N, C-alpha and C. Protein backbone atom coordinates (compact mmCIF):
# COMPACT_ATOMS: atom_id res chain seq x y z
N MET A 1 9.05 -1.60 2.17
CA MET A 1 9.36 -0.59 2.84
C MET A 1 9.51 0.68 1.48
N ALA A 2 9.56 1.65 1.73
CA ALA A 2 10.74 2.69 0.85
C ALA A 2 11.52 3.95 1.57
N LYS A 3 12.58 4.42 0.65
CA LYS A 3 13.23 4.80 0.54
C LYS A 3 12.50 6.08 0.09
N ILE A 4 13.55 6.67 0.89
CA ILE A 4 13.42 8.54 0.71
C ILE A 4 14.31 9.98 0.88
N THR A 5 14.54 10.68 -0.21
CA THR A 5 16.09 11.36 -0.37
C THR A 5 15.70 12.48 0.25
N PHE A 6 15.97 13.18 1.55
CA PHE A 6 15.76 14.51 2.10
C PHE A 6 16.32 15.33 1.51
N ILE A 7 16.53 16.77 0.87
CA ILE A 7 17.42 17.29 0.86
C ILE A 7 16.92 18.95 1.79
N THR A 8 18.69 19.36 2.40
CA THR A 8 17.68 20.19 3.29
C THR A 8 17.99 21.52 2.10
N GLN A 9 17.80 22.71 3.18
CA GLN A 9 18.07 24.55 2.99
C GLN A 9 19.68 24.50 2.45
N ASP A 10 20.14 23.85 3.45
CA ASP A 10 21.75 24.01 3.06
C ASP A 10 22.78 22.60 1.72
N GLY A 11 21.57 22.45 1.45
CA GLY A 11 21.85 21.34 0.18
C GLY A 11 22.36 19.56 1.24
N LYS A 12 21.76 19.87 2.03
CA LYS A 12 22.45 18.00 2.77
C LYS A 12 21.28 17.24 1.83
N GLN A 13 22.21 16.19 1.62
CA GLN A 13 20.87 15.03 1.18
C GLN A 13 21.26 13.69 1.88
N LEU A 14 20.02 13.77 2.64
CA LEU A 14 19.34 12.01 3.67
C LEU A 14 18.63 11.27 2.94
N GLU A 15 19.44 10.17 3.01
CA GLU A 15 18.28 8.75 2.53
C GLU A 15 17.80 7.90 3.68
N LEU A 16 16.68 7.96 3.53
CA LEU A 16 15.82 7.64 4.83
C LEU A 16 15.42 5.73 4.19
N THR A 17 14.90 5.05 4.68
CA THR A 17 13.90 4.51 4.62
C THR A 17 12.58 3.99 6.31
N ALA A 18 11.63 3.62 5.67
CA ALA A 18 10.28 3.81 6.49
C ALA A 18 9.57 2.41 5.48
N ASP A 19 8.27 1.24 5.86
CA ASP A 19 7.65 1.20 5.91
C ASP A 19 6.58 1.73 6.82
N THR A 20 5.98 2.79 7.70
CA THR A 20 4.55 2.66 8.00
C THR A 20 5.23 4.27 7.85
N GLY A 21 3.69 5.15 8.50
CA GLY A 21 3.71 6.02 9.27
C GLY A 21 3.69 6.93 7.64
N SER A 22 3.83 8.27 8.42
CA SER A 22 4.34 9.75 7.65
C SER A 22 5.26 9.85 7.14
N VAL A 23 5.82 10.54 6.04
CA VAL A 23 6.88 11.08 5.72
C VAL A 23 7.61 12.31 6.77
N MET A 24 6.68 12.86 6.78
CA MET A 24 6.57 13.80 7.76
C MET A 24 7.60 13.03 9.26
N GLU A 25 6.62 11.97 9.86
CA GLU A 25 7.09 10.86 10.71
C GLU A 25 8.49 10.85 10.95
N LEU A 26 8.65 10.63 9.63
CA LEU A 26 10.52 9.62 9.62
C LEU A 26 11.08 10.92 9.67
N ALA A 27 10.49 11.90 8.49
CA ALA A 27 11.51 13.37 8.70
C ALA A 27 12.41 13.34 10.05
N VAL A 28 10.61 14.31 10.70
CA VAL A 28 11.43 13.88 12.84
C VAL A 28 11.11 13.19 13.37
N ASN A 29 11.62 11.56 13.17
CA ASN A 29 12.22 10.83 13.92
C ASN A 29 13.53 10.44 13.84
N ASN A 30 14.21 11.20 12.19
CA ASN A 30 15.54 11.48 12.07
C ASN A 30 16.14 12.85 11.91
N SER A 31 15.81 13.25 12.95
CA SER A 31 16.19 14.82 12.81
C SER A 31 15.75 15.38 11.47
N VAL A 32 15.64 15.42 10.22
CA VAL A 32 15.57 15.72 9.07
C VAL A 32 15.71 17.69 9.76
N SER A 33 16.79 18.30 9.31
CA SER A 33 16.53 19.83 9.37
C SER A 33 15.64 20.42 8.79
N GLY A 34 14.88 21.82 9.11
CA GLY A 34 13.82 22.15 8.56
C GLY A 34 12.72 21.56 8.83
N ILE A 35 12.30 20.31 9.60
CA ILE A 35 10.74 19.71 8.74
C ILE A 35 10.48 19.32 10.73
N ASP A 36 9.47 20.57 11.07
CA ASP A 36 9.34 20.35 12.98
C ASP A 36 7.68 19.78 13.17
N GLY A 37 7.32 19.18 12.26
CA GLY A 37 5.98 18.17 12.35
C GLY A 37 5.39 19.49 13.64
N ASP A 38 4.69 19.98 14.63
CA ASP A 38 4.52 21.19 15.37
C ASP A 38 3.20 20.36 15.91
N CYS A 39 2.17 20.16 15.12
CA CYS A 39 0.80 20.08 14.92
C CYS A 39 0.59 18.18 14.78
N GLY A 40 1.75 17.17 15.18
CA GLY A 40 1.65 16.41 15.49
C GLY A 40 1.74 15.52 13.71
N GLY A 41 1.38 16.42 13.07
CA GLY A 41 0.84 15.26 11.58
C GLY A 41 -0.88 15.64 11.33
N VAL A 42 -1.80 16.54 11.92
CA VAL A 42 -2.83 16.31 11.77
C VAL A 42 -2.94 18.05 11.17
N CYS A 43 -1.74 18.03 10.16
CA CYS A 43 -2.56 19.03 8.41
C CYS A 43 -2.98 20.38 9.38
N SER A 44 -2.02 21.23 9.57
CA SER A 44 -3.03 22.41 10.93
C SER A 44 -1.30 23.44 10.90
N CYS A 45 -1.01 23.06 10.88
CA CYS A 45 0.51 23.61 11.03
C CYS A 45 1.05 24.28 9.41
N ALA A 46 2.08 23.17 8.90
CA ALA A 46 2.81 23.11 7.08
C ALA A 46 3.90 23.84 7.73
N THR A 47 4.40 23.50 9.22
CA THR A 47 6.02 22.43 9.55
C THR A 47 6.48 21.38 9.05
N CYS A 48 5.99 20.93 8.21
CA CYS A 48 6.84 19.90 7.27
C CYS A 48 6.50 20.19 5.99
N HIS A 49 5.93 21.12 5.53
CA HIS A 49 6.15 21.76 4.15
C HIS A 49 7.58 20.97 3.20
N VAL A 50 7.34 20.26 2.21
CA VAL A 50 8.29 19.83 1.41
C VAL A 50 8.06 19.97 -0.33
N HIS A 51 8.93 19.98 -0.89
CA HIS A 51 9.00 19.80 -2.94
C HIS A 51 9.18 18.80 -2.49
N VAL A 52 8.10 18.69 -4.17
CA VAL A 52 8.62 16.70 -4.50
C VAL A 52 9.68 17.16 -5.65
N ALA A 53 10.26 16.56 -6.17
CA ALA A 53 10.76 16.68 -7.50
C ALA A 53 9.50 16.56 -8.24
N PRO A 54 9.46 16.50 -9.57
CA PRO A 54 8.93 17.18 -10.78
C PRO A 54 8.56 16.03 -10.98
N GLN A 55 9.46 15.35 -11.48
CA GLN A 55 9.08 13.20 -11.94
C GLN A 55 8.91 12.69 -11.13
N ASP A 56 9.17 12.93 -9.07
CA ASP A 56 8.59 12.05 -8.41
C ASP A 56 6.61 12.49 -7.99
N TRP A 57 6.21 13.65 -8.86
CA TRP A 57 4.47 14.22 -8.78
C TRP A 57 3.70 13.29 -8.37
N GLU A 58 3.38 12.76 -9.50
CA GLU A 58 3.27 10.79 -9.79
C GLU A 58 2.42 10.69 -8.15
N LYS A 59 3.56 9.79 -8.07
CA LYS A 59 4.11 8.62 -6.60
C LYS A 59 3.70 9.09 -5.44
N THR A 60 4.07 10.90 -6.06
CA THR A 60 3.06 11.10 -4.48
C THR A 60 1.48 11.55 -3.97
N GLY A 61 1.22 12.08 -5.53
CA GLY A 61 -0.10 12.79 -5.86
C GLY A 61 -0.32 14.57 -5.45
N SER A 62 -1.72 14.87 -5.82
CA SER A 62 -1.63 16.10 -5.35
C SER A 62 -2.36 16.20 -3.85
N PRO A 63 -1.95 17.43 -3.57
CA PRO A 63 -2.56 18.07 -2.21
C PRO A 63 -4.13 17.34 -1.81
N GLY A 64 -4.70 17.59 -0.13
CA GLY A 64 -6.66 17.60 -0.76
C GLY A 64 -6.80 19.05 -0.46
N ASP A 65 -7.52 19.15 -0.05
CA ASP A 65 -8.53 20.58 0.37
C ASP A 65 -7.49 21.52 1.13
N MET A 66 -7.53 20.12 2.16
CA MET A 66 -7.29 21.15 3.00
C MET A 66 -6.30 21.36 3.34
N GLU A 67 -5.54 19.96 2.13
CA GLU A 67 -3.58 20.87 2.61
C GLU A 67 -3.73 21.68 1.76
N LYS A 68 -4.26 22.15 1.03
CA LYS A 68 -4.04 22.84 -0.21
C LYS A 68 -4.01 24.87 0.23
N ASP A 69 -5.45 23.75 1.80
CA ASP A 69 -5.59 25.70 2.16
C ASP A 69 -4.55 25.71 2.87
N MET A 70 -3.67 24.66 3.82
CA MET A 70 -2.44 25.04 4.81
C MET A 70 -1.22 25.53 4.64
N LEU A 71 -1.17 24.93 2.50
CA LEU A 71 -0.37 25.92 2.24
C LEU A 71 0.20 26.83 1.42
N GLU A 72 -1.37 27.39 1.66
CA GLU A 72 -1.75 28.86 1.59
C GLU A 72 -1.39 30.07 1.98
N PHE A 73 -0.95 29.30 3.57
CA PHE A 73 -0.53 30.14 4.52
C PHE A 73 0.69 29.80 4.29
N ASP A 74 2.03 29.68 3.45
CA ASP A 74 3.20 29.30 3.76
C ASP A 74 3.38 30.49 2.47
N ASP A 75 4.86 30.28 2.23
CA ASP A 75 5.31 31.94 1.71
C ASP A 75 6.57 31.23 0.53
N ASN A 76 7.16 30.26 0.51
CA ASN A 76 7.62 29.39 -0.04
C ASN A 76 6.56 28.43 -1.38
N VAL A 77 5.95 28.10 -1.27
CA VAL A 77 4.59 27.30 -1.81
C VAL A 77 5.08 27.47 -3.19
N THR A 78 4.81 25.98 -4.15
CA THR A 78 5.42 26.11 -5.33
C THR A 78 3.94 25.29 -5.93
N LYS A 79 4.03 25.04 -7.87
CA LYS A 79 3.31 24.30 -7.58
C LYS A 79 3.36 22.11 -7.75
N PHE A 80 4.98 22.13 -6.74
CA PHE A 80 5.11 20.66 -6.10
C PHE A 80 5.09 20.90 -5.03
N SER A 81 4.47 21.98 -4.10
CA SER A 81 4.27 22.00 -3.30
C SER A 81 3.56 20.30 -2.00
N ARG A 82 3.88 20.72 -1.45
CA ARG A 82 2.82 19.18 0.07
C ARG A 82 3.16 20.04 1.35
N LEU A 83 2.50 18.57 1.76
CA LEU A 83 2.62 18.67 3.28
C LEU A 83 2.90 17.11 3.64
N SER A 84 4.40 16.82 4.09
CA SER A 84 5.37 15.60 4.99
C SER A 84 4.02 15.00 5.56
N CYS A 85 3.19 15.29 6.53
CA CYS A 85 2.66 14.72 7.22
C CYS A 85 1.13 13.78 5.98
N GLN A 86 0.95 14.66 4.77
CA GLN A 86 -0.04 13.77 4.36
C GLN A 86 0.21 13.17 3.41
N ILE A 87 1.16 12.75 3.41
CA ILE A 87 2.35 11.37 2.65
C ILE A 87 2.47 10.65 3.35
N PRO A 88 1.30 8.99 3.13
CA PRO A 88 1.30 8.00 3.79
C PRO A 88 3.06 7.48 2.74
N VAL A 89 3.54 6.60 3.92
CA VAL A 89 4.87 6.23 3.73
C VAL A 89 4.30 4.67 3.27
N THR A 90 4.35 4.18 1.96
CA THR A 90 3.80 2.53 1.28
C THR A 90 5.63 2.81 0.02
N GLU A 91 5.04 1.22 -0.54
CA GLU A 91 6.00 0.89 -1.48
C GLU A 91 5.89 1.53 -3.28
N ALA A 92 4.65 2.25 -3.28
CA ALA A 92 4.41 3.83 -4.35
C ALA A 92 5.47 4.42 -4.23
N ILE A 93 6.28 5.16 -3.07
CA ILE A 93 6.63 6.31 -3.07
C ILE A 93 8.19 6.09 -2.98
N ASP A 94 8.49 4.75 -3.28
CA ASP A 94 9.65 4.03 -3.02
C ASP A 94 10.53 5.88 -4.33
N GLY A 95 11.59 5.91 -3.08
CA GLY A 95 12.80 6.34 -4.78
C GLY A 95 12.09 7.61 -4.78
N ILE A 96 11.19 8.93 -4.07
CA ILE A 96 11.27 9.52 -4.13
C ILE A 96 12.45 10.78 -3.48
N THR A 97 12.65 12.97 -3.74
CA THR A 97 13.11 13.13 -3.24
C THR A 97 11.92 14.22 -3.22
N LEU A 98 12.80 14.47 -1.92
CA LEU A 98 11.65 15.41 -1.34
C LEU A 98 12.60 17.02 -0.97
N LYS A 99 12.34 18.49 -1.56
CA LYS A 99 13.64 19.45 -0.81
C LYS A 99 12.67 20.12 0.54
N VAL A 100 13.31 20.36 0.91
CA VAL A 100 12.47 21.27 2.29
C VAL A 100 11.90 22.57 2.36
N ALA A 101 11.10 22.81 1.97
CA ALA A 101 10.41 24.31 1.78
C ALA A 101 11.12 25.07 2.70
N ASN A 102 11.26 25.34 4.01
CA ASN A 102 11.67 25.46 4.99
C ASN A 102 13.10 25.43 6.07
């Protein structure tokens, strides 16, 4: 089980838990504002863009090549950007904080 904290653009914090799926699925299933997941999690839209808290970067790891390519189209990219559809929910990410980028 992993607990994930989402911070929306309006500053609202939501603590959610899951044990399977992707972080994007968790966010969409719980109506996290700003995470749409329009492509359904196949890394082709960037509507699930998040900024990983710097202290949690090692837990999520760096984006893969396809994910980096998608992030190039987003205006709010930082060195801590990830697409939440590409972050699997595992115990390894327990306790991470993600700020919704859009």
